[in-house]
Amino acid sequence: MKILICDDDIMTLKALDHKLKLEGYETITAKDGKVAIDTLNSNPDIALLLTDLHMPLVSGLELIMHIRNIMKSNMPIVMLTRVGLEDTVFHAFELGADDYITKPFSPEELSLRIKRALLKRKL
């Protein structure tokens, strides 16, 4: 199963990429939302997006809007960010995020939430 990881922090991107590959996922990384949109347009078999909120060029919220409104996709979207403000969390869910995890996070919890999001997609 293919997961797109989008984060402008290179260390976070590498750590998530390594963790998910160890769990058997095929991963693609993007350093910002613009690269993520280009990647989504050229890879229709991506099963889930794991994205940061604040990124250059296209933010995580703009990325959600693009996926839900332009691409008309129901792919699971998991936000992974340092911003835990209630208004921001609510806004992400209103736009179509499936889950929202604040950094720092437990790698085990992240794994469970990804599996849960992918299972919900199959239902």
C-alpha atoms as a PDB file:
ATOM      1  CA  MET A   1       0.000   0.000   0.000  1.00  0.00           C
ATOM      2  CA  LYS A   2       1.370   3.408  -1.001  1.00  0.00           C
ATOM      3  CA  ILE A   3       1.503   6.346   1.449  1.00  0.00           C
ATOM      4  CA  LEU A   4       2.444   9.926   0.573  1.00  0.00           C
ATOM      5  CA  ILE A   5       4.298  11.696   3.391  1.00  0.00           C
ATOM      6  CA  CYS A   6       4.378  15.493   3.158  1.00  0.00           C
ATOM      7  CA  ASP A   7       6.452  17.559   5.599  1.00  0.00           C
ATOM      8  CA  ASP A   8       8.859  20.452   5.149  1.00  0.00           C
ATOM      9  CA  ASP A   9      11.077  19.239   8.020  1.00  0.00           C
ATOM     10  CA  ILE A  10      13.570  16.886   6.368  1.00  0.00           C
ATOM     11  CA  MET A  11      14.389  14.988   9.584  1.00  0.00           C
ATOM     12  CA  THR A  12      10.699  14.314  10.263  1.00  0.00           C
ATOM     13  CA  LEU A  13      10.206  13.299   6.643  1.00  0.00           C
ATOM     14  CA  LYS A  14      13.098  10.815   6.793  1.00  0.00           C
ATOM     15  CA  ALA A  15      11.998   9.385  10.156  1.00  0.00           C
ATOM     16  CA  LEU A  16       8.406   8.855   8.965  1.00  0.00           C
ATOM     17  CA  ASP A  17       9.619   7.372   5.691  1.00  0.00           C
ATOM     18  CA  HIS A  18      11.869   4.913   7.534  1.00  0.00           C
ATOM     19  CA  LYS A  19       9.165   3.939  10.068  1.00  0.00           C
ATOM     20  CA  LEU A  20       6.497   3.303   7.439  1.00  0.00           C
ATOM     21  CA  LYS A  21       8.860   1.347   5.178  1.00  0.00           C
ATOM     22  CA  LEU A  22       9.727  -0.903   8.131  1.00  0.00           C
ATOM     23  CA  GLU A  23       6.009  -1.588   8.472  1.00  0.00           C
ATOM     24  CA  GLY A  24       5.793  -2.694   4.865  1.00  0.00           C
ATOM     25  CA  TYR A  25       4.290   0.389   3.260  1.00  0.00           C
ATOM     26  CA  GLU A  26       5.553   1.810  -0.007  1.00  0.00           C
ATOM     27  CA  THR A  27       6.244   5.484   0.617  1.00  0.00           C
ATOM     28  CA  ILE A  28       6.659   8.620  -1.428  1.00  0.00           C
ATOM     29  CA  THR A  29       7.898  11.820   0.204  1.00  0.00           C
ATOM     30  CA  ALA A  30       7.133  15.447  -0.584  1.00  0.00           C
ATOM     31  CA  LYS A  31       8.853  18.472   0.977  1.00  0.00           C
ATOM     32  CA  ASP A  32       5.861  20.791   0.539  1.00  0.00           C
ATOM     33  CA  GLY A  33       2.226  20.841  -0.514  1.00  0.00           C
ATOM     34  CA  LYS A  34       3.001  21.789  -4.126  1.00  0.00           C
ATOM     35  CA  VAL A  35       5.209  18.730  -4.573  1.00  0.00           C
ATOM     36  CA  ALA A  36       2.487  16.655  -2.877  1.00  0.00           C
ATOM     37  CA  ILE A  37      -0.169  17.853  -5.366  1.00  0.00           C
ATOM     38  CA  ASP A  38       2.126  17.060  -8.303  1.00  0.00           C
ATOM     39  CA  THR A  39       2.815  13.631  -6.796  1.00  0.00           C
ATOM     40  CA  LEU A  40      -0.891  12.915  -6.238  1.00  0.00           C
ATOM     41  CA  ASN A  41      -1.672  13.896  -9.827  1.00  0.00           C
ATOM     42  CA  SER A  42       0.928  11.467 -11.179  1.00  0.00           C
ATOM     43  CA  ASN A  43       0.270   8.586  -8.729  1.00  0.00           C
ATOM     44  CA  PRO A  44      -3.434   7.689  -8.599  1.00  0.00           C
ATOM     45  CA  ASP A  45      -2.738   4.584  -6.491  1.00  0.00           C
ATOM     46  CA  ILE A  46      -1.689   6.472  -3.346  1.00  0.00           C
ATOM     47  CA  ALA A  47      -3.799   5.032  -0.520  1.00  0.00           C
ATOM     48  CA  LEU A  48      -3.226   7.636   2.238  1.00  0.00           C
ATOM     49  CA  LEU A  49      -1.757  11.091   2.785  1.00  0.00           C
ATOM     50  CA  LEU A  50       0.183  11.920   5.946  1.00  0.00           C
ATOM     51  CA  THR A  51       0.773  15.669   6.001  1.00  0.00           C
ATOM     52  CA  ASP A  52       2.088  18.519   8.114  1.00  0.00           C
ATOM     53  CA  LEU A  53       0.036  21.692   8.523  1.00  0.00           C
ATOM     54  CA  HIS A  54       2.476  24.585   8.011  1.00  0.00           C
ATOM     55  CA  MET A  55       4.531  24.212   4.840  1.00  0.00           C
ATOM     56  CA  PRO A  56       5.802  26.562   2.135  1.00  0.00           C
ATOM     57  CA  LEU A  57       3.886  27.090  -1.126  1.00  0.00           C
ATOM     58  CA  VAL A  58       0.811  24.992  -0.252  1.00  0.00           C
ATOM     59  CA  SER A  59      -0.211  24.370   3.374  1.00  0.00           C
ATOM     60  CA  GLY A  60      -1.656  21.165   4.749  1.00  0.00           C
ATOM     61  CA  LEU A  61      -5.131  22.737   4.879  1.00  0.00           C
ATOM     62  CA  GLU A  62      -4.854  23.845   1.247  1.00  0.00           C
ATOM     63  CA  LEU A  63      -3.727  20.338   0.384  1.00  0.00           C
ATOM     64  CA  ILE A  64      -6.842  18.868   2.029  1.00  0.00           C
ATOM     65  CA  MET A  65      -9.050  21.302   0.101  1.00  0.00           C
ATOM     66  CA  HIS A  66      -7.348  20.335  -3.169  1.00  0.00           C
ATOM     67  CA  ILE A  67      -7.795  16.610  -2.542  1.00  0.00           C
ATOM     68  CA  ARG A  68     -11.433  16.880  -1.477  1.00  0.00           C
ATOM     69  CA  ASN A  69     -12.658  19.659  -3.815  1.00  0.00           C
ATOM     70  CA  ILE A  70     -10.489  19.496  -6.948  1.00  0.00           C
ATOM     71  CA  MET A  71      -9.490  15.834  -7.078  1.00  0.00           C
ATOM     72  CA  LYS A  72     -12.803  14.713  -5.530  1.00  0.00           C
ATOM     73  CA  SER A  73     -10.870  12.001  -3.681  1.00  0.00           C
ATOM     74  CA  ASN A  74     -11.897  10.307  -0.463  1.00  0.00           C
ATOM     75  CA  MET A  75      -8.373   9.057   0.298  1.00  0.00           C
ATOM     76  CA  PRO A  76      -7.666   9.070   4.040  1.00  0.00           C
ATOM     77  CA  ILE A  77      -5.795  12.168   5.193  1.00  0.00           C
ATOM     78  CA  VAL A  78      -3.921  12.187   8.495  1.00  0.00           C
ATOM     79  CA  MET A  79      -2.605  15.521   9.738  1.00  0.00           C
ATOM     80  CA  LEU A  80       0.627  15.307  11.741  1.00  0.00           C
ATOM     81  CA  THR A  81       1.619  18.693  13.133  1.00  0.00           C
ATOM     82  CA  ARG A  82       2.872  20.696  16.103  1.00  0.00           C
ATOM     83  CA  VAL A  83      -0.248  22.877  16.014  1.00  0.00           C
ATOM     84  CA  GLY A  84      -2.821  21.585  18.466  1.00  0.00           C
ATOM     85  CA  LEU A  85      -5.066  24.632  18.658  1.00  0.00           C
ATOM     86  CA  GLU A  86      -8.696  23.588  18.884  1.00  0.00           C
ATOM     87  CA  ASP A  87      -9.818  25.911  16.069  1.00  0.00           C
ATOM     88  CA  THR A  88      -7.144  24.536  13.730  1.00  0.00           C
ATOM     89  CA  VAL A  89      -8.049  20.936  14.555  1.00  0.00           C
ATOM     90  CA  PHE A  90     -11.750  21.632  13.928  1.00  0.00           C
ATOM     91  CA  HIS A  91     -10.958  23.433  10.664  1.00  0.00           C
ATOM     92  CA  ALA A  92      -8.870  20.487   9.422  1.00  0.00           C
ATOM     93  CA  PHE A  93     -11.734  18.092  10.164  1.00  0.00           C
ATOM     94  CA  GLU A  94     -14.270  20.415   8.514  1.00  0.00           C
ATOM     95  CA  LEU A  95     -12.141  20.471   5.355  1.00  0.00           C
ATOM     96  CA  GLY A  96     -11.969  16.690   5.262  1.00  0.00           C
ATOM     97  CA  ALA A  97      -9.068  15.411   7.379  1.00  0.00           C
ATOM     98  CA  ASP A  98      -9.694  11.934   8.743  1.00  0.00           C
ATOM     99  CA  ASP A  99      -7.373  12.209  11.728  1.00  0.00           C
ATOM    100  CA  TYR A 100      -5.186  14.780  13.478  1.00  0.00           C
ATOM    101  CA  ILE A 101      -2.091  13.939  15.511  1.00  0.00           C
ATOM    102  CA  THR A 102       0.039  16.507  17.326  1.00  0.00           C
ATOM    103  CA  LYS A 103       3.832  16.319  17.483  1.00  0.00           C
ATOM    104  CA  PRO A 104       5.586  14.914  19.400  1.00  0.00           C
ATOM    105  CA  PHE A 105       3.741  11.661  18.844  1.00  0.00           C
ATOM    106  CA  SER A 106       4.103   7.993  19.654  1.00  0.00           C
ATOM    107  CA  PRO A 107       5.252   5.995  16.604  1.00  0.00           C
ATOM    108  CA  GLU A 108       3.023   3.119  17.727  1.00  0.00           C
ATOM    109  CA  GLU A 109       0.000   5.417  17.951  1.00  0.00           C
ATOM    110  CA  LEU A 110       0.751   6.777  14.479  1.00  0.00           C
ATOM    111  CA  SER A 111       0.904   3.221  13.106  1.00  0.00           C
ATOM    112  CA  LEU A 112      -2.441   2.344  14.662  1.00  0.00           C
ATOM    113  CA  ARG A 113      -4.102   5.487  13.367  1.00  0.00           C
ATOM    114  CA  ILE A 114      -2.811   4.872   9.840  1.00  0.00           C
ATOM    115  CA  LYS A 115      -4.093   1.293   9.920  1.00  0.00           C
ATOM    116  CA  ARG A 116      -7.447   2.524  11.238  1.00  0.00           C
ATOM    117  CA  ALA A 117      -7.738   5.161   8.506  1.00  0.00           C
ATOM    118  CA  LEU A 118      -6.930   2.605   5.816  1.00  0.00           C
ATOM    119  CA  LEU A 119      -9.471   0.127   7.222  1.00  0.00           C
ATOM    120  CA  LYS A 120     -12.199   2.789   7.297  1.00  0.00           C
ATOM    121  CA  ARG A 121     -11.463   3.536   3.636  1.00  0.00           C
ATOM    122  CA  LYS A 122     -12.150  -0.091   2.699  1.00  0.00           C
ATOM    123  CA  LEU A 123     -15.559  -0.130   4.413  1.00  0.00           C
END
